[in-house]
């Protein structure tokens, strides 16, 4: 099945693949950088194995204006877990209280490649199904992932 929308992003981090991997797989770390600007992560669970569950909730902050307080859960299942190298999952994300009309079904693949003592991360995210109320989220996917990957730079810089 062809995706409705797909984005591919690459970013190089001044950290080892092990450190970047941990940032993507440890709930206490994910809570500090996941999501676009102006969101916090009140809930995060990671069962890091193929078939394991990945559950994360983003909450809109003050900077999101009228969306402040809105919750966006994502429930995923890992399909590939290759430590320090590759992570893939299939996911469903939605707006709390409006699941039926806002659900997005997507796949995400993240690869971690060591390059000159740094780590290149490549993210490929594809949406396969989107509810009628999910149009804005689908359109903003590239923007949101870009902000998220920038937040990871700041998070990892603080780990040095």
C-alpha atoms as a PDB file:
ATOM      1  CA  UNK A   1       0.000   0.000   0.000  1.00  0.00           C
ATOM      2  CA  UNK A   2       1.292   3.451  -0.961  1.00  0.00           C
ATOM      3  CA  UNK A   3       1.542   6.014   1.844  1.00  0.00           C
ATOM      4  CA  UNK A   4      -0.680   9.109   1.830  1.00  0.00           C
ATOM      5  CA  UNK A   5       2.342  11.134   2.920  1.00  0.00           C
ATOM      6  CA  UNK A   6       5.966  10.308   3.625  1.00  0.00           C
ATOM      7  CA  UNK A   7       8.815  12.368   5.035  1.00  0.00           C
ATOM      8  CA  UNK A   8      12.511  11.562   5.224  1.00  0.00           C
ATOM      9  CA  UNK A   9      14.799  13.575   7.471  1.00  0.00           C
ATOM     10  CA  UNK A  10      18.456  13.260   8.365  1.00  0.00           C
ATOM     11  CA  UNK A  11      20.346  14.899  11.179  1.00  0.00           C
ATOM     12  CA  UNK A  12      23.854  14.334  12.523  1.00  0.00           C
ATOM     13  CA  UNK A  13      24.414  14.426  16.281  1.00  0.00           C
ATOM     14  CA  UNK A  14      27.647  15.012  18.165  1.00  0.00           C
ATOM     15  CA  UNK A  15      27.171  11.836  20.211  1.00  0.00           C
ATOM     16  CA  UNK A  16      27.821   8.115  19.919  1.00  0.00           C
ATOM     17  CA  UNK A  17      25.184   5.781  18.428  1.00  0.00           C
ATOM     18  CA  UNK A  18      24.755   4.276  21.922  1.00  0.00           C
ATOM     19  CA  UNK A  19      23.912   7.679  23.425  1.00  0.00           C
ATOM     20  CA  UNK A  20      21.523   8.616  20.608  1.00  0.00           C
ATOM     21  CA  UNK A  21      19.902   5.159  20.796  1.00  0.00           C
ATOM     22  CA  UNK A  22      19.284   5.629  24.523  1.00  0.00           C
ATOM     23  CA  UNK A  23      17.683   9.020  23.859  1.00  0.00           C
ATOM     24  CA  UNK A  24      15.240   7.278  21.473  1.00  0.00           C
ATOM     25  CA  UNK A  25      14.511   4.279  23.701  1.00  0.00           C
ATOM     26  CA  UNK A  26      14.590   5.304  27.378  1.00  0.00           C
ATOM     27  CA  UNK A  27      11.311   6.840  28.612  1.00  0.00           C
ATOM     28  CA  UNK A  28      13.002   9.257  31.027  1.00  0.00           C
ATOM     29  CA  UNK A  29      15.071  10.616  28.126  1.00  0.00           C
ATOM     30  CA  UNK A  30      12.255  10.634  25.542  1.00  0.00           C
ATOM     31  CA  UNK A  31      10.146  12.765  27.900  1.00  0.00           C
ATOM     32  CA  UNK A  32      12.784  15.507  27.730  1.00  0.00           C
ATOM     33  CA  UNK A  33      12.893  16.040  23.948  1.00  0.00           C
ATOM     34  CA  UNK A  34      10.107  14.206  22.085  1.00  0.00           C
ATOM     35  CA  UNK A  35       7.609  16.096  19.956  1.00  0.00           C
ATOM     36  CA  UNK A  36       7.480  19.491  18.320  1.00  0.00           C
ATOM     37  CA  UNK A  37       8.099  22.749  20.162  1.00  0.00           C
ATOM     38  CA  UNK A  38       5.674  23.757  22.925  1.00  0.00           C
ATOM     39  CA  UNK A  39       4.704  20.242  24.009  1.00  0.00           C
ATOM     40  CA  UNK A  40       5.505  18.258  27.130  1.00  0.00           C
ATOM     41  CA  UNK A  41       5.390  14.489  27.591  1.00  0.00           C
ATOM     42  CA  UNK A  42       3.310  13.505  30.632  1.00  0.00           C
ATOM     43  CA  UNK A  43       3.345   9.768  29.789  1.00  0.00           C
ATOM     44  CA  UNK A  44       5.842   7.461  28.095  1.00  0.00           C
ATOM     45  CA  UNK A  45       6.224   3.669  28.123  1.00  0.00           C
ATOM     46  CA  UNK A  46       8.736   1.647  26.123  1.00  0.00           C
ATOM     47  CA  UNK A  47       8.854  -2.160  25.971  1.00  0.00           C
ATOM     48  CA  UNK A  48      11.943  -2.384  23.768  1.00  0.00           C
ATOM     49  CA  UNK A  49      11.528  -5.637  21.832  1.00  0.00           C
ATOM     50  CA  UNK A  50       9.963  -6.678  18.535  1.00  0.00           C
ATOM     51  CA  UNK A  51       6.229  -6.752  19.278  1.00  0.00           C
ATOM     52  CA  UNK A  52       6.780  -4.547  22.329  1.00  0.00           C
ATOM     53  CA  UNK A  53       4.616  -1.518  23.031  1.00  0.00           C
ATOM     54  CA  UNK A  54       5.676   2.111  22.684  1.00  0.00           C
ATOM     55  CA  UNK A  55       3.172   4.549  24.178  1.00  0.00           C
ATOM     56  CA  UNK A  56       3.747   8.286  24.445  1.00  0.00           C
ATOM     57  CA  UNK A  57       1.449  11.245  25.080  1.00  0.00           C
ATOM     58  CA  UNK A  58       2.200  14.811  23.994  1.00  0.00           C
ATOM     59  CA  UNK A  59       0.469  17.694  25.781  1.00  0.00           C
ATOM     60  CA  UNK A  60       0.160  21.096  24.151  1.00  0.00           C
ATOM     61  CA  UNK A  61       1.735  23.880  26.176  1.00  0.00           C
ATOM     62  CA  UNK A  62       1.134  27.621  26.435  1.00  0.00           C
ATOM     63  CA  UNK A  63       2.846  28.274  23.082  1.00  0.00           C
ATOM     64  CA  UNK A  64       0.156  26.237  21.300  1.00  0.00           C
ATOM     65  CA  UNK A  65      -2.445  28.918  22.014  1.00  0.00           C
ATOM     66  CA  UNK A  66      -5.988  27.530  21.769  1.00  0.00           C
ATOM     67  CA  UNK A  67      -4.654  23.934  21.764  1.00  0.00           C
ATOM     68  CA  UNK A  68      -3.099  24.373  25.246  1.00  0.00           C
ATOM     69  CA  UNK A  69      -3.860  21.283  27.315  1.00  0.00           C
ATOM     70  CA  UNK A  70      -4.753  19.129  24.297  1.00  0.00           C
ATOM     71  CA  UNK A  71      -3.409  15.576  24.542  1.00  0.00           C
ATOM     72  CA  UNK A  72      -2.076  13.651  21.554  1.00  0.00           C
ATOM     73  CA  UNK A  73      -1.447   9.983  22.433  1.00  0.00           C
ATOM     74  CA  UNK A  74       0.480   7.616  20.200  1.00  0.00           C
ATOM     75  CA  UNK A  75       0.380   3.873  20.645  1.00  0.00           C
ATOM     76  CA  UNK A  76       2.914   1.873  18.669  1.00  0.00           C
ATOM     77  CA  UNK A  77       4.368  -1.570  18.312  1.00  0.00           C
ATOM     78  CA  UNK A  78       8.041  -2.151  17.553  1.00  0.00           C
ATOM     79  CA  UNK A  79       8.666  -4.072  14.329  1.00  0.00           C
ATOM     80  CA  UNK A  80      12.487  -3.794  14.290  1.00  0.00           C
ATOM     81  CA  UNK A  81      14.822  -3.398  17.276  1.00  0.00           C
ATOM     82  CA  UNK A  82      18.530  -3.523  16.352  1.00  0.00           C
ATOM     83  CA  UNK A  83      20.393  -1.833  19.239  1.00  0.00           C
ATOM     84  CA  UNK A  84      22.347   1.271  18.228  1.00  0.00           C
ATOM     85  CA  UNK A  85      21.469   0.678  14.547  1.00  0.00           C
ATOM     86  CA  UNK A  86      17.760   0.595  13.669  1.00  0.00           C
ATOM     87  CA  UNK A  87      14.364   1.075  15.261  1.00  0.00           C
ATOM     88  CA  UNK A  88      11.005   0.745  13.487  1.00  0.00           C
ATOM     89  CA  UNK A  89       7.421   0.829  14.651  1.00  0.00           C
ATOM     90  CA  UNK A  90       3.858   0.952  13.420  1.00  0.00           C
ATOM     91  CA  UNK A  91       1.725   3.487  15.238  1.00  0.00           C
ATOM     92  CA  UNK A  92      -1.659   5.014  15.731  1.00  0.00           C
ATOM     93  CA  UNK A  93      -1.820   8.617  16.927  1.00  0.00           C
ATOM     94  CA  UNK A  94      -4.878  10.739  17.680  1.00  0.00           C
ATOM     95  CA  UNK A  95      -6.279  13.729  19.533  1.00  0.00           C
ATOM     96  CA  UNK A  96      -7.647  12.717  22.943  1.00  0.00           C
ATOM     97  CA  UNK A  97     -11.438  12.776  22.933  1.00  0.00           C
ATOM     98  CA  UNK A  98     -11.614  12.707  19.117  1.00  0.00           C
ATOM     99  CA  UNK A  99      -9.998   9.364  18.317  1.00  0.00           C
ATOM    100  CA  UNK A 100     -12.276   8.250  15.503  1.00  0.00           C
ATOM    101  CA  UNK A 101     -11.959  11.372  13.350  1.00  0.00           C
ATOM    102  CA  UNK A 102      -8.308  12.234  14.148  1.00  0.00           C
ATOM    103  CA  UNK A 103      -6.528   8.881  14.046  1.00  0.00           C
ATOM    104  CA  UNK A 104      -3.395   8.647  11.928  1.00  0.00           C
ATOM    105  CA  UNK A 105      -1.873   5.262  11.130  1.00  0.00           C
ATOM    106  CA  UNK A 106       1.811   5.465  10.337  1.00  0.00           C
ATOM    107  CA  UNK A 107       5.122   3.654  10.221  1.00  0.00           C
ATOM    108  CA  UNK A 108       8.395   5.127  11.380  1.00  0.00           C
ATOM    109  CA  UNK A 109      11.899   3.832  10.725  1.00  0.00           C
ATOM    110  CA  UNK A 110      14.939   5.339  12.442  1.00  0.00           C
ATOM    111  CA  UNK A 111      18.488   4.336  11.496  1.00  0.00           C
ATOM    112  CA  UNK A 112      21.602   5.244  13.464  1.00  0.00           C
ATOM    113  CA  UNK A 113      24.921   5.361  11.579  1.00  0.00           C
ATOM    114  CA  UNK A 114      28.275   6.247  13.121  1.00  0.00           C
ATOM    115  CA  UNK A 115      30.204   8.802  11.074  1.00  0.00           C
ATOM    116  CA  UNK A 116      33.449  10.346  12.325  1.00  0.00           C
ATOM    117  CA  UNK A 117      32.603  10.001  16.043  1.00  0.00           C
ATOM    118  CA  UNK A 118      29.117  11.386  15.437  1.00  0.00           C
ATOM    119  CA  UNK A 119      25.797   9.710  14.721  1.00  0.00           C
ATOM    120  CA  UNK A 120      23.714  10.289  11.634  1.00  0.00           C
ATOM    121  CA  UNK A 121      20.033   9.641  12.259  1.00  0.00           C
ATOM    122  CA  UNK A 122      17.692   9.052   9.361  1.00  0.00           C
ATOM    123  CA  UNK A 123      13.949   9.086  10.002  1.00  0.00           C
ATOM    124  CA  UNK A 124      11.449   7.845   7.448  1.00  0.00           C
ATOM    125  CA  UNK A 125       7.852   8.348   8.549  1.00  0.00           C
ATOM    126  CA  UNK A 126       4.879   7.399   6.401  1.00  0.00           C
ATOM    127  CA  UNK A 127       1.162   7.920   6.946  1.00  0.00           C
ATOM    128  CA  UNK A 128      -1.074   5.195   5.532  1.00  0.00           C
ATOM    129  CA  UNK A 129      -4.432   6.270   6.902  1.00  0.00           C
ATOM    130  CA  UNK A 130      -5.700   9.556   8.332  1.00  0.00           C
ATOM    131  CA  UNK A 131      -9.108  10.428   9.719  1.00  0.00           C
ATOM    132  CA  UNK A 132     -10.973  13.448   8.362  1.00  0.00           C
ATOM    133  CA  UNK A 133      -9.939  15.540  11.384  1.00  0.00           C
ATOM    134  CA  UNK A 134      -6.239  14.678  11.028  1.00  0.00           C
ATOM    135  CA  UNK A 135      -5.497  16.791   7.957  1.00  0.00           C
ATOM    136  CA  UNK A 136      -3.593  19.501   9.840  1.00  0.00           C
ATOM    137  CA  UNK A 137      -1.470  16.937  11.702  1.00  0.00           C
ATOM    138  CA  UNK A 138      -0.613  15.125   8.463  1.00  0.00           C
ATOM    139  CA  UNK A 139       0.290  18.391   6.721  1.00  0.00           C
ATOM    140  CA  UNK A 140       2.504  19.429   9.641  1.00  0.00           C
ATOM    141  CA  UNK A 141       4.349  16.107   9.887  1.00  0.00           C
ATOM    142  CA  UNK A 142       7.626  17.341   8.348  1.00  0.00           C
ATOM    143  CA  UNK A 143       7.557  20.510  10.452  1.00  0.00           C
ATOM    144  CA  UNK A 144       6.902  18.552  13.665  1.00  0.00           C
ATOM    145  CA  UNK A 145       9.615  15.969  13.031  1.00  0.00           C
ATOM    146  CA  UNK A 146      12.092  18.726  12.124  1.00  0.00           C
ATOM    147  CA  UNK A 147      11.434  20.508  15.433  1.00  0.00           C
ATOM    148  CA  UNK A 148      11.689  17.207  17.310  1.00  0.00           C
ATOM    149  CA  UNK A 149      15.085  16.383  15.789  1.00  0.00           C
ATOM    150  CA  UNK A 150      16.314  19.900  16.649  1.00  0.00           C
ATOM    151  CA  UNK A 151      15.172  19.399  20.253  1.00  0.00           C
ATOM    152  CA  UNK A 152      17.228  16.205  20.344  1.00  0.00           C
ATOM    153  CA  UNK A 153      20.362  18.233  19.464  1.00  0.00           C
ATOM    154  CA  UNK A 154      19.800  20.465  22.512  1.00  0.00           C
ATOM    155  CA  UNK A 155      19.023  17.472  24.738  1.00  0.00           C
ATOM    156  CA  UNK A 156      22.198  15.614  23.712  1.00  0.00           C
ATOM    157  CA  UNK A 157      24.310  18.774  24.115  1.00  0.00           C
ATOM    158  CA  UNK A 158      23.137  18.887  27.738  1.00  0.00           C
ATOM    159  CA  UNK A 159      24.323  15.277  28.230  1.00  0.00           C
ATOM    160  CA  UNK A 160      27.989  16.141  27.593  1.00  0.00           C
END
